[in-house]
C-alpha cells in the first residue's frame, strides 16, 4: 500500500515482491510444461501420431453399418451387466451404511480407535479402481459375474460410506437433543433423531452410485468379470467392428435409461 501526493492511501493489486512471485510461478509452470513435453516426446512414435487420422477414419468406416441382428445375442449379457451393477450397489449399501455411523465423529463408538480404522477402509475402497478389484477377484473366484459383483461392491463401499458419514456429521443437533431429553436410549436416538435426517441424502447417494455402477459394470467384462464387456472383448479380438458398434449403441442406450431413472428417483426422494 503506497500513498498519493495528497497523502491518501493508494491501492495496488500486488507489491513488487508479489509481482515477482507471480511471474516466477508462471515461469516455473512453463518450464515444467516444456520439460514434460520433452519427456513425452522422446517416448512417442510420431509416425503413428501423424497416421492416426487415417487409421481412425478407416476404423470408423469398418464399424458401420452396425450389426443390428447381433442385438439378439447382447440382451442377456446386458441384463447381466445391470444385475452386476445392482447387486454390487446393494452389497455396498449393506456394508457402507453401518460403516458411515462408525466413521462419523458424532456417532462413532470410539474417536481414537474405531473412527480411524473406518476412515482407512473407506479411503482404501475409494483408492482402488473397480477394474483393479475385478482383476484381483477374477484370480480369486475365477471369471464370471461373482467377481464383477464383488468388484463393484468393494469399489462403491467407500463412496457410499464417505458421503453418508459426511451427511451424519451435518445433522441438526437440536433434534438429537430433543429426543435425548425424553430419556431415549442411544439406539432410540439413532433411530428417531439421526436416521430420519440422513435418509433423503442416503437414498440420493445410493441411486447416484447405482447410476455410476451401470457405467463401470460395462467394462468389467474386459478382464473376465462378466457382463457385456466380455462380448465387447470377444468382438474386438475377432475384429468384428460392426458388432462393436452395436455393443456401443446398446451401452449408450442403457446408460441413458439409467440416467433418467436415477434422476427421477433422486427427484422423488430428495
Protein backbone atom coordinates (compact mmCIF):
# COMPACT_ATOMS: atom_id res chain seq x y z
CA UNK A 1 0.00 0.00 0.00
CA UNK A 2 1.55 3.33 -1.12
CA UNK A 3 0.35 6.92 -0.73
CA UNK A 4 -0.56 9.62 -3.25
CA UNK A 5 0.64 13.24 -3.27
CA UNK A 6 -2.30 14.12 -1.02
CA UNK A 7 -1.09 11.54 1.49
CA UNK A 8 -4.07 9.28 0.72
CA UNK A 9 -3.59 5.50 0.57
CA UNK A 10 -3.28 4.18 -2.98
CA UNK A 11 -4.48 0.64 -3.57
CA UNK A 12 -2.27 -1.68 -5.57
CA UNK A 13 -3.12 -5.21 -6.65
CA UNK A 14 0.25 -6.60 -5.54
CA UNK A 15 3.52 -5.47 -4.09
CA UNK A 16 6.70 -5.64 -6.15
CA UNK A 17 7.68 -8.84 -4.37
CA UNK A 18 4.24 -10.26 -5.11
CA UNK A 19 4.60 -9.45 -8.81
CA UNK A 20 7.99 -11.20 -8.92
CA UNK A 21 6.50 -14.22 -7.13
CA UNK A 22 3.63 -14.47 -9.63
CA UNK A 23 5.91 -14.17 -12.65
CA UNK A 24 8.27 -16.68 -11.10
CA UNK A 25 5.39 -19.14 -10.66
CA UNK A 26 4.36 -18.67 -14.30
CA UNK A 27 7.93 -19.25 -15.48
CA UNK A 28 8.25 -22.35 -13.30
CA UNK A 29 4.97 -23.69 -14.71
CA UNK A 30 6.14 -23.00 -18.27
CA UNK A 31 9.46 -24.72 -17.61
CA UNK A 32 7.66 -27.75 -16.14
CA UNK A 33 5.36 -27.92 -19.18
CA UNK A 34 8.32 -27.82 -21.58
CA UNK A 35 10.15 -30.50 -19.57
CA UNK A 36 7.08 -32.76 -19.57
CA UNK A 37 6.62 -32.29 -23.32
CA UNK A 38 10.26 -33.20 -23.93
CA UNK A 39 9.87 -36.27 -21.72
CA UNK A 40 6.72 -37.43 -23.54
CA UNK A 41 8.04 -36.50 -26.99
CA UNK A 42 11.10 -38.67 -26.60
CA UNK A 43 8.90 -41.71 -25.89
CA UNK A 44 6.30 -41.11 -28.61
CA UNK A 45 6.40 -42.71 -32.05
CA UNK A 46 5.30 -39.66 -34.03
CA UNK A 47 4.81 -41.65 -37.24
CA UNK A 48 1.82 -43.34 -35.56
CA UNK A 49 0.51 -39.97 -34.38
CA UNK A 50 0.59 -38.42 -37.88
CA UNK A 51 -1.07 -41.54 -39.27
CA UNK A 52 -3.77 -41.62 -36.58
CA UNK A 53 -6.43 -39.63 -38.52
CA UNK A 54 -6.18 -42.03 -41.46
CA UNK A 55 -6.34 -45.10 -39.24
CA UNK A 56 -9.22 -43.64 -37.23
CA UNK A 57 -11.23 -42.86 -40.35
CA UNK A 58 -10.61 -46.38 -41.65
CA UNK A 59 -11.75 -47.89 -38.35
CA UNK A 60 -14.92 -45.83 -38.28
CA UNK A 61 -15.67 -46.86 -41.86
CA UNK A 62 -15.35 -50.53 -40.89
CA UNK A 63 -17.64 -50.05 -37.88
CA UNK A 64 -20.64 -49.01 -39.99
CA UNK A 65 -23.29 -50.07 -40.56
CA UNK A 66 -23.89 -51.66 -37.14
CA UNK A 67 -24.69 -55.37 -36.97
CA UNK A 68 -28.31 -54.89 -35.89
CA UNK A 69 -29.01 -58.64 -35.88
CA UNK A 70 -26.26 -59.06 -33.29
CA UNK A 71 -28.53 -57.39 -30.73
CA UNK A 72 -30.27 -60.72 -30.11
CA UNK A 73 -27.01 -62.05 -28.66
CA UNK A 74 -26.46 -59.00 -26.44
CA UNK A 75 -29.65 -58.80 -24.39
CA UNK A 76 -28.59 -61.41 -21.84
CA UNK A 77 -25.05 -60.00 -21.32
CA UNK A 78 -26.56 -56.55 -20.97
CA UNK A 79 -29.04 -57.85 -18.40
CA UNK A 80 -26.10 -59.48 -16.57
CA UNK A 81 -24.34 -56.10 -16.55
CA UNK A 82 -27.36 -54.41 -14.98
CA UNK A 83 -27.56 -57.18 -12.37
CA UNK A 84 -23.86 -56.81 -11.59
CA UNK A 85 -24.31 -53.08 -11.03
CA UNK A 86 -27.48 -53.51 -8.97
CA UNK A 87 -26.27 -56.35 -6.75
CA UNK A 88 -22.89 -54.68 -6.31
CA UNK A 89 -24.62 -51.47 -5.23
CA UNK A 90 -26.81 -53.35 -2.75
CA UNK A 91 -23.73 -55.04 -1.32
CA UNK A 92 -22.03 -51.67 -0.94
CA UNK A 93 -25.12 -50.23 0.78
CA UNK A 94 -25.24 -53.14 3.24
CA UNK A 95 -21.59 -52.59 4.17
CA UNK A 96 -21.23 -48.85 3.71
CA UNK A 97 -24.28 -47.71 5.70
CA UNK A 98 -23.08 -49.14 9.06
CA UNK A 99 -19.52 -48.03 8.29
CA UNK A 100 -20.74 -44.46 7.92
CA UNK A 101 -22.05 -44.41 11.50
CA UNK A 102 -18.77 -45.88 12.76
CA UNK A 103 -16.80 -43.23 10.83
CA UNK A 104 -18.84 -40.12 11.73
CA UNK A 105 -17.35 -38.32 14.71
CA UNK A 106 -20.76 -37.75 16.33
CA UNK A 107 -21.90 -41.40 16.16
CA UNK A 108 -18.72 -43.49 16.32
CA UNK A 109 -18.23 -45.53 19.50
CA UNK A 110 -14.54 -44.55 19.59
CA UNK A 111 -12.95 -41.49 18.01
CA UNK A 112 -9.44 -42.75 18.76
CA UNK A 113 -9.73 -46.34 17.52
CA UNK A 114 -12.88 -47.19 15.55
CA UNK A 115 -13.12 -43.98 13.51
CA UNK A 116 -9.53 -44.08 12.15
CA UNK A 117 -9.96 -47.72 11.13
CA UNK A 118 -13.22 -46.94 9.31
CA UNK A 119 -11.71 -43.92 7.57
CA UNK A 120 -8.76 -46.05 6.45
CA UNK A 121 -11.11 -48.68 5.00
CA UNK A 122 -13.15 -46.00 3.23
CA UNK A 123 -10.05 -44.45 1.68
CA UNK A 124 -8.76 -47.89 0.67
CA UNK A 125 -12.01 -48.70 -1.11
CA UNK A 126 -12.09 -45.39 -2.97
CA UNK A 127 -8.44 -45.50 -3.99
CA UNK A 128 -8.67 -48.79 -5.93
CA UNK A 129 -10.44 -48.72 -9.28
CA UNK A 130 -13.17 -51.25 -9.98
CA UNK A 131 -11.11 -52.77 -12.84
CA UNK A 132 -8.26 -53.46 -10.42
CA UNK A 133 -10.69 -55.02 -7.96
CA UNK A 134 -12.06 -57.14 -10.80
CA UNK A 135 -8.59 -58.28 -11.87
CA UNK A 136 -7.82 -59.42 -8.33
CA UNK A 137 -11.22 -61.06 -7.76
CA UNK A 138 -11.16 -62.91 -11.10
CA UNK A 139 -7.93 -64.53 -9.93
CA UNK A 140 -9.52 -65.47 -6.60
CA UNK A 141 -13.03 -66.51 -7.69
CA UNK A 142 -12.50 -67.17 -11.38
CA UNK A 143 -14.17 -65.36 -14.28
CA UNK A 144 -17.87 -64.60 -14.06
CA UNK A 145 -20.49 -62.37 -12.51
CA UNK A 146 -19.49 -63.04 -8.89
CA UNK A 147 -16.15 -61.31 -9.39
CA UNK A 148 -17.92 -58.39 -11.07
CA UNK A 149 -20.47 -58.00 -8.28
CA UNK A 150 -17.78 -58.04 -5.59
CA UNK A 151 -15.62 -55.60 -7.56
CA UNK A 152 -18.49 -53.13 -7.90
CA UNK A 153 -19.42 -53.59 -4.25
CA UNK A 154 -15.90 -53.09 -2.88
CA UNK A 155 -15.37 -50.04 -5.08
CA UNK A 156 -18.69 -48.47 -4.05
CA UNK A 157 -18.40 -49.01 -0.29
CA UNK A 158 -16.04 -46.08 0.16
CA UNK A 159 -18.18 -43.76 -1.96
CA UNK A 160 -21.39 -44.51 -0.08
CA UNK A 161 -19.79 -44.55 3.37
CA UNK A 162 -17.90 -41.29 2.86
CA UNK A 163 -20.86 -39.24 1.63
CA UNK A 164 -23.15 -40.78 4.23
CA UNK A 165 -20.87 -40.12 7.20
CA UNK A 166 -20.47 -36.52 5.99
CA UNK A 167 -24.27 -36.23 5.98
CA UNK A 168 -24.38 -37.68 9.51
CA UNK A 169 -21.86 -35.11 10.73
CA UNK A 170 -24.00 -32.30 9.31
CA UNK A 171 -27.28 -33.23 11.01
CA UNK A 172 -29.29 -30.80 13.12
CA UNK A 173 -28.15 -31.34 16.71
CA UNK A 174 -31.30 -29.81 18.17
CA UNK A 175 -33.35 -32.81 17.06
CA UNK A 176 -30.88 -35.15 18.73
CA UNK A 177 -31.02 -33.10 21.91
CA UNK A 178 -34.83 -33.09 21.86
CA UNK A 179 -35.08 -36.87 21.58
CA UNK A 180 -32.34 -37.35 24.18
CA UNK A 181 -34.25 -35.10 26.59
CA UNK A 182 -37.15 -37.54 26.56
CA UNK A 183 -34.91 -40.18 28.14
CA UNK A 184 -34.39 -42.15 24.92
CA UNK A 185 -31.52 -44.63 24.76
CA UNK A 186 -28.69 -44.33 22.25
CA UNK A 187 -30.29 -46.77 19.76
CA UNK A 188 -33.56 -44.85 20.02
CA UNK A 189 -31.80 -41.53 19.44
CA UNK A 190 -30.13 -43.08 16.41
CA UNK A 191 -33.42 -44.43 15.04
CA UNK A 192 -35.61 -41.39 15.70
CA UNK A 193 -33.30 -38.37 15.53
CA UNK A 194 -30.39 -39.22 13.21
CA UNK A 195 -31.55 -41.76 10.64
CA UNK A 196 -34.66 -39.76 9.54
CA UNK A 197 -32.45 -36.74 8.87
CA UNK A 198 -29.99 -38.55 6.63
CA UNK A 199 -32.35 -40.88 4.76
CA UNK A 200 -33.10 -38.48 1.85
CA UNK A 201 -29.38 -37.86 1.34
CA UNK A 202 -28.59 -41.55 1.71
CA UNK A 203 -31.23 -42.53 -0.85
CA UNK A 204 -29.87 -39.98 -3.31
CA UNK A 205 -26.30 -41.17 -2.74
CA UNK A 206 -27.28 -44.83 -3.28
CA UNK A 207 -29.19 -44.16 -6.50
CA UNK A 208 -26.40 -41.94 -7.82
CA UNK A 209 -23.86 -44.68 -7.11
CA UNK A 210 -26.03 -47.25 -8.89
CA UNK A 211 -26.08 -44.96 -11.92
CA UNK A 212 -22.26 -44.78 -11.84
CA UNK A 213 -22.01 -48.55 -11.41
CA UNK A 214 -24.04 -49.17 -14.57
CA UNK A 215 -21.26 -47.44 -16.47
CA UNK A 216 -18.45 -49.20 -14.61
CA UNK A 217 -20.03 -52.64 -14.96
CA UNK A 218 -20.00 -52.37 -18.77
CA UNK A 219 -16.20 -52.63 -18.86
CA UNK A 220 -15.58 -55.23 -16.15
CA UNK A 221 -16.07 -58.00 -18.69
CA UNK A 222 -12.85 -56.88 -20.37
CA UNK A 223 -10.99 -58.58 -17.52
CA UNK A 224 -13.36 -61.55 -17.28
CA UNK A 225 -15.79 -60.26 -14.64
CA UNK A 226 -18.96 -60.95 -16.64
CA UNK A 227 -21.45 -58.78 -18.46
CA UNK A 228 -21.46 -57.02 -21.80
CA UNK A 229 -17.73 -56.34 -21.56
CA UNK A 230 -16.95 -59.97 -22.35
CA UNK A 231 -18.90 -59.69 -25.60
CA UNK A 232 -17.08 -56.46 -26.36
CA UNK A 233 -13.71 -58.09 -25.80
CA UNK A 234 -14.65 -61.06 -27.98
CA UNK A 235 -15.81 -58.78 -30.82
CA UNK A 236 -12.64 -56.68 -30.65
CA UNK A 237 -10.44 -59.79 -30.65
CA UNK A 238 -12.12 -61.06 -33.81
CA UNK A 239 -12.09 -57.59 -35.43
CA UNK A 240 -15.88 -57.71 -35.76
CA UNK A 241 -16.24 -53.91 -35.77
CA UNK A 242 -19.95 -53.78 -36.76
CA UNK A 243 -20.65 -55.88 -33.65
CA UNK A 244 -18.57 -53.46 -31.57
CA UNK A 245 -20.71 -50.60 -32.85
CA UNK A 246 -23.86 -52.46 -31.87
CA UNK A 247 -22.46 -53.03 -28.38
CA UNK A 248 -21.64 -49.32 -28.08
CA UNK A 249 -25.18 -48.40 -29.10
CA UNK A 250 -26.69 -50.77 -26.54
CA UNK A 251 -24.40 -49.49 -23.78
CA UNK A 252 -25.28 -45.90 -24.65
CA UNK A 253 -28.99 -46.68 -24.57
CA UNK A 254 -28.69 -48.44 -21.22
CA UNK A 255 -26.71 -45.57 -19.69
CA UNK A 256 -29.24 -43.01 -20.93
CA UNK A 257 -32.11 -45.01 -19.40
CA UNK A 258 -30.23 -45.45 -16.11
CA UNK A 259 -29.51 -41.73 -16.02
CA UNK A 260 -33.22 -40.98 -16.49
CA UNK A 261 -34.25 -43.49 -13.79
CA UNK A 262 -31.61 -42.13 -11.42
CA UNK A 263 -32.74 -38.55 -11.93
CA UNK A 264 -36.39 -39.44 -11.39
CA UNK A 265 -35.69 -41.40 -8.21
CA UNK A 266 -33.46 -38.68 -6.78
CA UNK A 267 -36.12 -36.09 -7.55
CA UNK A 268 -38.72 -38.23 -5.76
CA UNK A 269 -36.71 -38.85 -2.59
CA UNK A 270 -34.91 -35.55 -2.12
